[in-house]
PDB file of N, CA and C in Angstrom:
ATOM      1  N   UNK A   1      88.290  15.264  88.339  1.00  0.00           N
ATOM      2  CA  UNK A   1      88.832  16.606  88.208  1.00  0.00           C
ATOM      3  C   UNK A   1      89.378  16.753  86.787  1.00  0.00           C
ATOM      4  N   UNK A   2      89.006  17.826  86.143  1.00  0.00           N
ATOM      5  CA  UNK A   2      89.476  18.068  84.783  1.00  0.00           C
ATOM      6  C   UNK A   2      90.942  18.495  84.799  1.00  0.00           C
ATOM      7  N   UNK A   3      91.568  18.463  83.640  1.00  0.00           N
ATOM      8  CA  UNK A   3      92.967  18.894  83.535  1.00  0.00           C
ATOM      9  C   UNK A   3      93.103  20.354  83.955  1.00  0.00           C
ATOM     10  N   UNK A   4      92.136  21.201  83.587  1.00  0.00           N
ATOM     11  CA  UNK A   4      92.190  22.615  83.961  1.00  0.00           C
ATOM     12  C   UNK A   4      92.083  22.777  85.475  1.00  0.00           C
ATOM     13  N   UNK A   5      91.196  22.029  86.108  1.00  0.00           N
ATOM     14  CA  UNK A   5      91.053  22.114  87.556  1.00  0.00           C
ATOM     15  C   UNK A   5      92.328  21.659  88.258  1.00  0.00           C
ATOM     16  N   UNK A   6      93.000  20.624  87.712  1.00  0.00           N
ATOM     17  CA  UNK A   6      94.252  20.169  88.300  1.00  0.00           C
ATOM     18  C   UNK A   6      95.314  21.252  88.196  1.00  0.00           C
ATOM     19  N   UNK A   7      95.332  21.989  87.089  1.00  0.00           N
ATOM     20  CA  UNK A   7      96.303  23.063  86.921  1.00  0.00           C
ATOM     21  C   UNK A   7      96.037  24.201  87.894  1.00  0.00           C
ATOM     22  N   UNK A   8      94.788  24.404  88.263  1.00  0.00           N
ATOM     23  CA  UNK A   8      94.416  25.499  89.149  1.00  0.00           C
ATOM     24  C   UNK A   8      94.640  25.184  90.626  1.00  0.00           C
ATOM     25  N   UNK A   9      95.052  23.967  90.949  1.00  0.00           N
ATOM     26  CA  UNK A   9      95.295  23.586  92.344  1.00  0.00           C
ATOM     27  C   UNK A   9      96.614  24.204  92.801  1.00  0.00           C
ATOM     28  N   UNK A  10      96.562  24.860  93.958  1.00  0.00           N
ATOM     29  CA  UNK A  10      97.746  25.516  94.502  1.00  0.00           C
ATOM     30  C   UNK A  10      97.927  25.109  95.962  1.00  0.00           C
ATOM     31  N   UNK A  11      99.159  25.252  96.427  1.00  0.00           N
ATOM     32  CA  UNK A  11      99.472  25.012  97.836  1.00  0.00           C
ATOM     33  C   UNK A  11     100.051  26.292  98.414  1.00  0.00           C
ATOM     34  N   UNK A  12      99.609  26.641  99.604  1.00  0.00           N
ATOM     35  CA  UNK A  12     100.065  27.859 100.283  1.00  0.00           C
ATOM     36  C   UNK A  12     100.444  27.534 101.716  1.00  0.00           C
ATOM     37  N   UNK A  13     101.462  28.240 102.205  1.00  0.00           N
ATOM     38  CA  UNK A  13     101.849  28.152 103.605  1.00  0.00           C
ATOM     39  C   UNK A  13     101.450  29.473 104.261  1.00  0.00           C
ATOM     40  N   UNK A  14     100.741  29.374 105.375  1.00  0.00           N
ATOM     41  CA  UNK A  14     100.272  30.549 106.097  1.00  0.00           C
ATOM     42  C   UNK A  14     100.928  30.588 107.470  1.00  0.00           C
ATOM     43  N   UNK A  15     101.307  31.761 107.899  1.00  0.00           N
ATOM     44  CA  UNK A  15     101.715  31.973 109.284  1.00  0.00           C
ATOM     45  C   UNK A  15     100.762  33.010 109.854  1.00  0.00           C
ATOM     46  N   UNK A  16     100.047  32.618 110.889  1.00  0.00           N
ATOM     47  CA  UNK A  16      98.994  33.445 111.459  1.00  0.00           C
ATOM     48  C   UNK A  16      99.444  33.888 112.843  1.00  0.00           C
ATOM     49  N   UNK A  17      99.445  35.195 113.063  1.00  0.00           N
ATOM     50  CA  UNK A  17      99.892  35.744 114.343  1.00  0.00           C
ATOM     51  C   UNK A  17      98.764  36.514 115.017  1.00  0.00           C
ATOM     52  N   UNK A  18      98.935  36.719 116.301  1.00  0.00           N
ATOM     53  CA  UNK A  18      97.942  37.396 117.126  1.00  0.00           C
ATOM     54  C   UNK A  18      97.607  36.491 118.294  1.00  0.00           C
ATOM     55  N   UNK A  19      96.401  36.609 118.799  1.00  0.00           N
ATOM     56  CA  UNK A  19      95.927  35.707 119.847  1.00  0.00           C
ATOM     57  C   UNK A  19      95.273  34.529 119.135  1.00  0.00           C
ATOM     58  N   UNK A  20      96.112  33.556 118.773  1.00  0.00           N
ATOM     59  CA  UNK A  20      95.641  32.454 117.928  1.00  0.00           C
ATOM     60  C   UNK A  20      95.905  31.080 118.541  1.00  0.00           C
ATOM     61  N   UNK A  21      96.504  31.035 119.715  1.00  0.00           N
ATOM     62  CA  UNK A  21      96.680  29.763 120.417  1.00  0.00           C
ATOM     63  C   UNK A  21      95.822  29.778 121.678  1.00  0.00           C
ATOM     64  N   UNK A  22      95.290  28.597 122.002  1.00  0.00           N
ATOM     65  CA  UNK A  22      94.429  28.489 123.178  1.00  0.00           C
ATOM     66  C   UNK A  22      93.018  28.988 122.933  1.00  0.00           C
ATOM     67  N   UNK A  23      92.667  29.174 121.668  1.00  0.00           N
ATOM     68  CA  UNK A  23      91.337  29.696 121.316  1.00  0.00           C
ATOM     69  C   UNK A  23      90.597  28.765 120.346  1.00  0.00           C
ATOM     70  N   UNK A  24      91.115  27.547 120.156  1.00  0.00           N
ATOM     71  CA  UNK A  24      90.464  26.593 119.265  1.00  0.00           C
ATOM     72  C   UNK A  24      90.767  26.808 117.789  1.00  0.00           C
ATOM     73  N   UNK A  25      91.833  27.528 117.484  1.00  0.00           N
ATOM     74  CA  UNK A  25      92.120  27.867 116.088  1.00  0.00           C
ATOM     75  C   UNK A  25      92.378  26.624 115.250  1.00  0.00           C
ATOM     76  N   UNK A  26      93.156  25.665 115.768  1.00  0.00           N
ATOM     77  CA  UNK A  26      93.486  24.484 114.965  1.00  0.00           C
ATOM     78  C   UNK A  26      92.250  23.669 114.627  1.00  0.00           C
ATOM     79  N   UNK A  27      91.399  23.402 115.612  1.00  0.00           N
ATOM     80  CA  UNK A  27      90.175  22.637 115.360  1.00  0.00           C
ATOM     81  C   UNK A  27      89.253  23.401 114.417  1.00  0.00           C
ATOM     82  N   UNK A  28      89.170  24.714 114.604  1.00  0.00           N
ATOM     83  CA  UNK A  28      88.346  25.544 113.729  1.00  0.00           C
ATOM     84  C   UNK A  28      88.865  25.479 112.290  1.00  0.00           C
ATOM     85  N   UNK A  29      90.190  25.605 112.113  1.00  0.00           N
ATOM     86  CA  UNK A  29      90.781  25.551 110.773  1.00  0.00           C
ATOM     87  C   UNK A  29      90.525  24.199 110.122  1.00  0.00           C
ATOM     88  N   UNK A  30      90.624  23.143 110.899  1.00  0.00           N
ATOM     89  CA  UNK A  30      90.355  21.813 110.365  1.00  0.00           C
ATOM     90  C   UNK A  30      88.904  21.695 109.890  1.00  0.00           C
ATOM     91  N   UNK A  31      87.982  22.263 110.649  1.00  0.00           N
ATOM     92  CA  UNK A  31      86.571  22.253 110.245  1.00  0.00           C
ATOM     93  C   UNK A  31      86.328  23.069 108.991  1.00  0.00           C
ATOM     94  N   UNK A  32      86.929  24.256 108.915  1.00  0.00           N
ATOM     95  CA  UNK A  32      86.780  25.101 107.728  1.00  0.00           C
ATOM     96  C   UNK A  32      87.359  24.399 106.499  1.00  0.00           C
ATOM     97  N   UNK A  33      88.527  23.790 106.679  1.00  0.00           N
ATOM     98  CA  UNK A  33      89.163  23.077 105.572  1.00  0.00           C
ATOM     99  C   UNK A  33      88.273  21.932 105.092  1.00  0.00           C
ATOM    100  N   UNK A  34      87.705  21.194 106.032  1.00  0.00           N
ATOM    101  CA  UNK A  34      86.810  20.102 105.664  1.00  0.00           C
ATOM    102  C   UNK A  34      85.600  20.581 104.895  1.00  0.00           C
ATOM    103  N   UNK A  35      85.024  21.693 105.339  1.00  0.00           N
ATOM    104  CA  UNK A  35      83.861  22.259 104.657  1.00  0.00           C
ATOM    105  C   UNK A  35      84.189  22.683 103.231  1.00  0.00           C
ATOM    106  N   UNK A  36      85.408  23.191 103.028  1.00  0.00           N
ATOM    107  CA  UNK A  36      85.800  23.725 101.720  1.00  0.00           C
ATOM    108  C   UNK A  36      86.482  22.699 100.816  1.00  0.00           C
ATOM    109  N   UNK A  37      86.884  21.562 101.365  1.00  0.00           N
ATOM    110  CA  UNK A  37      87.618  20.576 100.572  1.00  0.00           C
ATOM    111  C   UNK A  37      89.107  20.887 100.462  1.00  0.00           C
ATOM    112  N   UNK A  38      89.653  21.589 101.463  1.00  0.00           N
ATOM    113  CA  UNK A  38      91.075  21.923 101.495  1.00  0.00           C
ATOM    114  C   UNK A  38      91.815  20.777 102.192  1.00  0.00           C
ATOM    115  N   UNK A  39      92.974  20.385 101.655  1.00  0.00           N
ATOM    116  CA  UNK A  39      93.811  19.393 102.314  1.00  0.00           C
ATOM    117  C   UNK A  39      95.053  20.077 102.865  1.00  0.00           C
ATOM    118  N   UNK A  40      95.740  19.404 103.788  1.00  0.00           N
ATOM    119  CA  UNK A  40      96.956  19.963 104.363  1.00  0.00           C
ATOM    120  C   UNK A  40      97.031  19.715 105.845  1.00  0.00           C
ATOM    121  N   UNK A  41      97.516  20.706 106.595  1.00  0.00           N
ATOM    122  CA  UNK A  41      97.649  20.563 108.043  1.00  0.00           C
ATOM    123  C   UNK A  41      97.729  21.929 108.714  1.00  0.00           C
ATOM    124  N   UNK A  42      97.557  21.903 110.023  1.00  0.00           N
ATOM    125  CA  UNK A  42      97.667  23.095 110.865  1.00  0.00           C
ATOM    126  C   UNK A  42      98.421  22.706 112.128  1.00  0.00           C
ATOM    127  N   UNK A  43      99.248  23.612 112.645  1.00  0.00           N
ATOM    128  CA  UNK A  43      99.954  23.346 113.893  1.00  0.00           C
ATOM    129  C   UNK A  43     100.301  24.653 114.592  1.00  0.00           C
ATOM    130  N   UNK A  44     100.424  24.578 115.912  1.00  0.00           N
ATOM    131  CA  UNK A  44     100.928  25.702 116.703  1.00  0.00           C
ATOM    132  C   UNK A  44     102.438  25.753 116.565  1.00  0.00           C
ATOM    133  N   UNK A  45     102.979  26.956 116.662  1.00  0.00           N
ATOM    134  CA  UNK A  45     104.421  27.158 116.686  1.00  0.00           C
ATOM    135  C   UNK A  45     104.798  27.665 118.083  1.00  0.00           C
ATOM    136  N   UNK A  46     105.982  27.340 118.519  1.00  0.00           N
ATOM    137  CA  UNK A  46     106.418  27.754 119.855  1.00  0.00           C
ATOM    138  C   UNK A  46     106.492  29.267 119.999  1.00  0.00           C
ATOM    139  N   UNK A  47     106.563  30.004 118.875  1.00  0.00           N
ATOM    140  CA  UNK A  47     106.603  31.470 118.942  1.00  0.00           C
ATOM    141  C   UNK A  47     105.223  32.084 119.157  1.00  0.00           C
ATOM    142  N   UNK A  48     104.185  31.247 119.303  1.00  0.00           N
ATOM    143  CA  UNK A  48     102.828  31.741 119.544  1.00  0.00           C
ATOM    144  C   UNK A  48     101.979  31.870 118.304  1.00  0.00           C
ATOM    145  N   UNK A  49     102.560  31.617 117.140  1.00  0.00           N
ATOM    146  CA  UNK A  49     101.797  31.699 115.897  1.00  0.00           C
ATOM    147  C   UNK A  49     101.182  30.340 115.563  1.00  0.00           C
ATOM    148  N   UNK A  50     100.356  30.335 114.531  1.00  0.00           N
ATOM    149  CA  UNK A  50      99.795  29.112 113.976  1.00  0.00           C
ATOM    150  C   UNK A  50     100.280  29.026 112.537  1.00  0.00           C
ATOM    151  N   UNK A  51     100.719  27.829 112.147  1.00  0.00           N
ATOM    152  CA  UNK A  51     101.189  27.597 110.784  1.00  0.00           C
ATOM    153  C   UNK A  51     100.225  26.658 110.081  1.00  0.00           C
ATOM    154  N   UNK A  52      99.944  26.956 108.813  1.00  0.00           N
ATOM    155  CA  UNK A  52      99.026  26.147 108.016  1.00  0.00           C
ATOM    156  C   UNK A  52      99.665  25.847 106.672  1.00  0.00           C
ATOM    157  N   UNK A  53      99.542  24.622 106.210  1.00  0.00           N
ATOM    158  CA  UNK A  53      99.857  24.251 104.842  1.00  0.00           C
ATOM    159  C   UNK A  53      98.539  23.816 104.230  1.00  0.00           C
ATOM    160  N   UNK A  54      98.128  24.481 103.170  1.00  0.00           N
ATOM    161  CA  UNK A  54      96.811  24.218 102.587  1.00  0.00           C
ATOM    162  C   UNK A  54      96.929  24.035 101.084  1.00  0.00           C
ATOM    163  N   UNK A  55      96.137  23.097 100.548  1.00  0.00           N
ATOM    164  CA  UNK A  55      96.143  22.831  99.115  1.00  0.00           C
ATOM    165  C   UNK A  55      94.711  22.657  98.635  1.00  0.00           C
ATOM    166  N   UNK A  56      94.380  23.365  97.550  1.00  0.00           N
ATOM    167  CA  UNK A  56      93.050  23.269  96.948  1.00  0.00           C
ATOM    168  C   UNK A  56      93.056  24.093  95.662  1.00  0.00           C
ATOM    169  N   UNK A  57      91.925  24.156  95.016  1.00  0.00           N
ATOM    170  CA  UNK A  57      91.777  25.029  93.848  1.00  0.00           C
ATOM    171  C   UNK A  57      92.036  26.471  94.281  1.00  0.00           C
ATOM    172  N   UNK A  58      92.582  27.270  93.378  1.00  0.00           N
ATOM    173  CA  UNK A  58      92.999  28.645  93.702  1.00  0.00           C
ATOM    174  C   UNK A  58      91.894  29.448  94.383  1.00  0.00           C
ATOM    175  N   UNK A  59      90.682  29.408  93.865  1.00  0.00           N
ATOM    176  CA  UNK A  59      89.581  30.165  94.466  1.00  0.00           C
ATOM    177  C   UNK A  59      89.237  29.678  95.857  1.00  0.00           C
ATOM    178  N   UNK A  60      89.334  28.378  96.066  1.00  0.00           N
ATOM    179  CA  UNK A  60      89.059  27.799  97.381  1.00  0.00           C
ATOM    180  C   UNK A  60      90.133  28.208  98.376  1.00  0.00           C
ATOM    181  N   UNK A  61      91.389  28.206  97.941  1.00  0.00           N
ATOM    182  CA  UNK A  61      92.483  28.637  98.820  1.00  0.00           C
ATOM    183  C   UNK A  61      92.273  30.099  99.228  1.00  0.00           C
ATOM    184  N   UNK A  62      91.881  30.936  98.274  1.00  0.00           N
ATOM    185  CA  UNK A  62      91.631  32.344  98.597  1.00  0.00           C
ATOM    186  C   UNK A  62      90.548  32.472  99.661  1.00  0.00           C
ATOM    187  N   UNK A  63      89.480  31.700  99.550  1.00  0.00           N
ATOM    188  CA  UNK A  63      88.393  31.731 100.539  1.00  0.00           C
ATOM    189  C   UNK A  63      88.898  31.268 101.910  1.00  0.00           C
ATOM    190  N   UNK A  64      89.683  30.188 101.919  1.00  0.00           N
ATOM    191  CA  UNK A  64      90.238  29.661 103.165  1.00  0.00           C
ATOM    192  C   UNK A  64      91.142  30.699 103.833  1.00  0.00           C
ATOM    193  N   UNK A  65      91.978  31.362 103.053  1.00  0.00           N
ATOM    194  CA  UNK A  65      92.863  32.399 103.599  1.00  0.00           C
ATOM    195  C   UNK A  65      92.040  33.535 104.197  1.00  0.00           C
ATOM    196  N   UNK A  66      90.982  33.946 103.500  1.00  0.00           N
ATOM    197  CA  UNK A  66      90.102  34.991 104.034  1.00  0.00           C
ATOM    198  C   UNK A  66      89.513  34.573 105.382  1.00  0.00           C
ATOM    199  N   UNK A  67      89.094  33.320 105.481  1.00  0.00           N
ATOM    200  CA  UNK A  67      88.550  32.822 106.746  1.00  0.00           C
ATOM    201  C   UNK A  67      89.620  32.835 107.840  1.00  0.00           C
ATOM    202  N   UNK A  68      90.850  32.453 107.497  1.00  0.00           N
ATOM    203  CA  UNK A  68      91.939  32.452 108.477  1.00  0.00           C
ATOM    204  C   UNK A  68      92.263  33.869 108.946  1.00  0.00           C
ATOM    205  N   UNK A  69      92.026  34.856 108.116  1.00  0.00           N
ATOM    206  CA  UNK A  69      92.245  36.250 108.534  1.00  0.00           C
ATOM    207  C   UNK A  69      91.225  36.663 109.599  1.00  0.00           C
ATOM    208  N   UNK A  70      90.090  35.996 109.629  1.00  0.00           N
ATOM    209  CA  UNK A  70      89.072  36.265 110.644  1.00  0.00           C
ATOM    210  C   UNK A  70      89.285  35.383 111.869  1.00  0.00           C
ATOM    211  N   UNK A  71      89.510  34.085 111.634  1.00  0.00           N
ATOM    212  CA  UNK A  71      89.706  33.125 112.709  1.00  0.00           C
ATOM    213  C   UNK A  71      88.417  32.798 113.441  1.00  0.00           C
ATOM    214  N   UNK A  72      88.510  31.906 114.423  1.00  0.00           N
ATOM    215  CA  UNK A  72      87.336  31.559 115.220  1.00  0.00           C
ATOM    216  C   UNK A  72      86.955  32.722 116.133  1.00  0.00           C
ATOM    217  N   UNK A  73      85.773  32.677 116.727  1.00  0.00           N
ATOM    218  CA  UNK A  73      85.294  33.804 117.540  1.00  0.00           C
ATOM    219  C   UNK A  73      86.236  34.259 118.654  1.00  0.00           C
ATOM    220  N   UNK A  74      86.933  33.340 119.325  1.00  0.00           N
ATOM    221  CA  UNK A  74      87.792  33.720 120.453  1.00  0.00           C
ATOM    222  C   UNK A  74      89.168  34.235 120.025  1.00  0.00           C
ATOM    223  N   UNK A  75      89.497  34.104 118.750  1.00  0.00           N
ATOM    224  CA  UNK A  75      90.824  34.527 118.270  1.00  0.00           C
ATOM    225  C   UNK A  75      90.849  36.018 117.963  1.00  0.00           C
ATOM    226  N   UNK A  76      92.068  36.548 117.962  1.00  0.00           N
ATOM    227  CA  UNK A  76      92.299  37.922 117.505  1.00  0.00           C
ATOM    228  C   UNK A  76      93.480  37.854 116.543  1.00  0.00           C
ATOM    229  N   UNK A  77      93.171  37.735 115.261  1.00  0.00           N
ATOM    230  CA  UNK A  77      94.204  37.597 114.237  1.00  0.00           C
ATOM    231  C   UNK A  77      94.778  38.978 113.936  1.00  0.00           C
ATOM    232  N   UNK A  78      96.096  39.103 114.059  1.00  0.00           N
ATOM    233  CA  UNK A  78      96.772  40.362 113.740  1.00  0.00           C
ATOM    234  C   UNK A  78      97.311  40.365 112.319  1.00  0.00           C
ATOM    235  N   UNK A  79      97.847  39.225 111.865  1.00  0.00           N
ATOM    236  CA  UNK A  79      98.434  39.165 110.527  1.00  0.00           C
ATOM    237  C   UNK A  79      98.420  37.733 110.014  1.00  0.00           C
ATOM    238  N   UNK A  80      98.308  37.617 108.696  1.00  0.00           N
ATOM    239  CA  UNK A  80      98.436  36.330 108.016  1.00  0.00           C
ATOM    240  C   UNK A  80      99.441  36.519 106.895  1.00  0.00           C
ATOM    241  N   UNK A  81     100.577  35.840 107.010  1.00  0.00           N
ATOM    242  CA  UNK A  81     101.588  35.863 105.967  1.00  0.00           C
ATOM    243  C   UNK A  81     101.361  34.656 105.078  1.00  0.00           C
ATOM    244  N   UNK A  82     101.315  34.873 103.767  1.00  0.00           N
ATOM    245  CA  UNK A  82     101.027  33.807 102.812  1.00  0.00           C
ATOM    246  C   UNK A  82     102.178  33.698 101.825  1.00  0.00           C
ATOM    247  N   UNK A  83     102.629  32.475 101.605  1.00  0.00           N
ATOM    248  CA  UNK A  83     103.641  32.234 100.583  1.00  0.00           C
ATOM    249  C   UNK A  83     103.322  30.927  99.870  1.00  0.00           C
ATOM    250  N   UNK A  84     103.852  30.786  98.675  1.00  0.00           N
ATOM    251  CA  UNK A  84     103.673  29.549  97.936  1.00  0.00           C
ATOM    252  C   UNK A  84     104.338  28.399  98.667  1.00  0.00           C
ATOM    253  N   UNK A  85     103.864  27.196  98.438  1.00  0.00           N
ATOM    254  CA  UNK A  85     104.419  26.026  99.112  1.00  0.00           C
ATOM    255  C   UNK A  85     104.568  24.887  98.117  1.00  0.00           C
ATOM    256  N   UNK A  86     105.533  24.048  98.386  1.00  0.00           N
ATOM    257  CA  UNK A  86     105.754  22.844  97.602  1.00  0.00           C
ATOM    258  C   UNK A  86     105.967  21.695  98.559  1.00  0.00           C
ATOM    259  N   UNK A  87     105.894  20.516  98.046  1.00  0.00           N
ATOM    260  CA  UNK A  87     106.131  19.340  98.875  1.00  0.00           C
ATOM    261  C   UNK A  87     104.887  18.476  98.953  1.00  0.00           C
ATOM    262  N   UNK A  88     104.954  17.508  99.797  1.00  0.00           N
ATOM    263  CA  UNK A  88     103.872  16.536  99.930  1.00  0.00           C
ATOM    264  C   UNK A  88     102.786  17.105 100.833  1.00  0.00           C
ATOM    265  N   UNK A  89     101.582  17.111 100.328  1.00  0.00           N
ATOM    266  CA  UNK A  89     100.423  17.570 101.096  1.00  0.00           C
ATOM    267  C   UNK A  89      99.506  16.362 101.286  1.00  0.00           C
ATOM    268  N   UNK A  90      99.096  16.064 102.514  1.00  0.00           N
ATOM    269  CA  UNK A  90      98.226  14.904 102.725  1.00  0.00           C
ATOM    270  C   UNK A  90      96.892  15.062 101.994  1.00  0.00           C
ATOM    271  N   UNK A  91      96.181  13.943 101.833  1.00  0.00           N
ATOM    272  CA  UNK A  91      94.894  13.973 101.136  1.00  0.00           C
ATOM    273  C   UNK A  91      93.735  14.264 102.086  1.00  0.00           C
ATOM    274  N   UNK A  92      94.055  14.731 103.283  1.00  0.00           N
ATOM    275  CA  UNK A  92      93.062  15.167 104.273  1.00  0.00           C
ATOM    276  C   UNK A  92      93.655  16.401 104.972  1.00  0.00           C
ATOM    277  N   UNK A  93      92.980  16.929 105.972  1.00  0.00           N
ATOM    278  CA  UNK A  93      93.501  18.087 106.706  1.00  0.00           C
ATOM    279  C   UNK A  93      93.741  17.651 108.143  1.00  0.00           C
ATOM    280  N   UNK A  94      95.006  17.662 108.556  1.00  0.00           N
ATOM    281  CA  UNK A  94      95.397  17.158 109.871  1.00  0.00           C
ATOM    282  C   UNK A  94      95.773  18.273 110.831  1.00  0.00           C
ATOM    283  N   UNK A  95      95.643  17.982 112.124  1.00  0.00           N
ATOM    284  CA  UNK A  95      96.202  18.840 113.177  1.00  0.00           C
ATOM    285  C   UNK A  95      97.508  18.174 113.597  1.00  0.00           C
ATOM    286  N   UNK A  96      98.610  18.912 113.469  1.00  0.00           N
ATOM    287  CA  UNK A  96      99.928  18.368 113.789  1.00  0.00           C
ATOM    288  C   UNK A  96     100.412  18.917 115.141  1.00  0.00           C
ATOM    289  N   UNK A  97     101.397  18.244 115.741  1.00  0.00           N
ATOM    290  CA  UNK A  97     101.948  18.710 117.014  1.00  0.00           C
ATOM    291  C   UNK A  97     102.665  20.049 116.882  1.00  0.00           C
ATOM    292  N   UNK A  98     102.779  20.735 117.989  1.00  0.00           N
ATOM    293  CA  UNK A  98     103.486  22.020 118.063  1.00  0.00           C
ATOM    294  C   UNK A  98     104.969  21.842 117.736  1.00  0.00           C
ATOM    295  N   UNK A  99     105.511  22.819 117.011  1.00  0.00           N
ATOM    296  CA  UNK A  99     106.961  22.828 116.745  1.00  0.00           C
ATOM    297  C   UNK A  99     107.536  24.164 117.143  1.00  0.00           C
TER     298      UNK A  99
END
């Protein structure tokens, strides 16, 4: 990775609401992340939302966010809130337990 590409790497936290639990959203997000080269994690929240921490090149993150706005076929995404994120991001994309 070039120095410019390293500078373009960003981390975002997403909160996805709607009918997003019980529809395979976490496994779908993990597959999409793998296809795009996104690292981070996804988990269900007790409030019924799905939370994602994602890290990749800026353009890749934008594509991943667009995909999350659509979700898997059985989901009905109502909103995706996106904010910047900091902290340790794993070097793979994991499914984490519900919080």
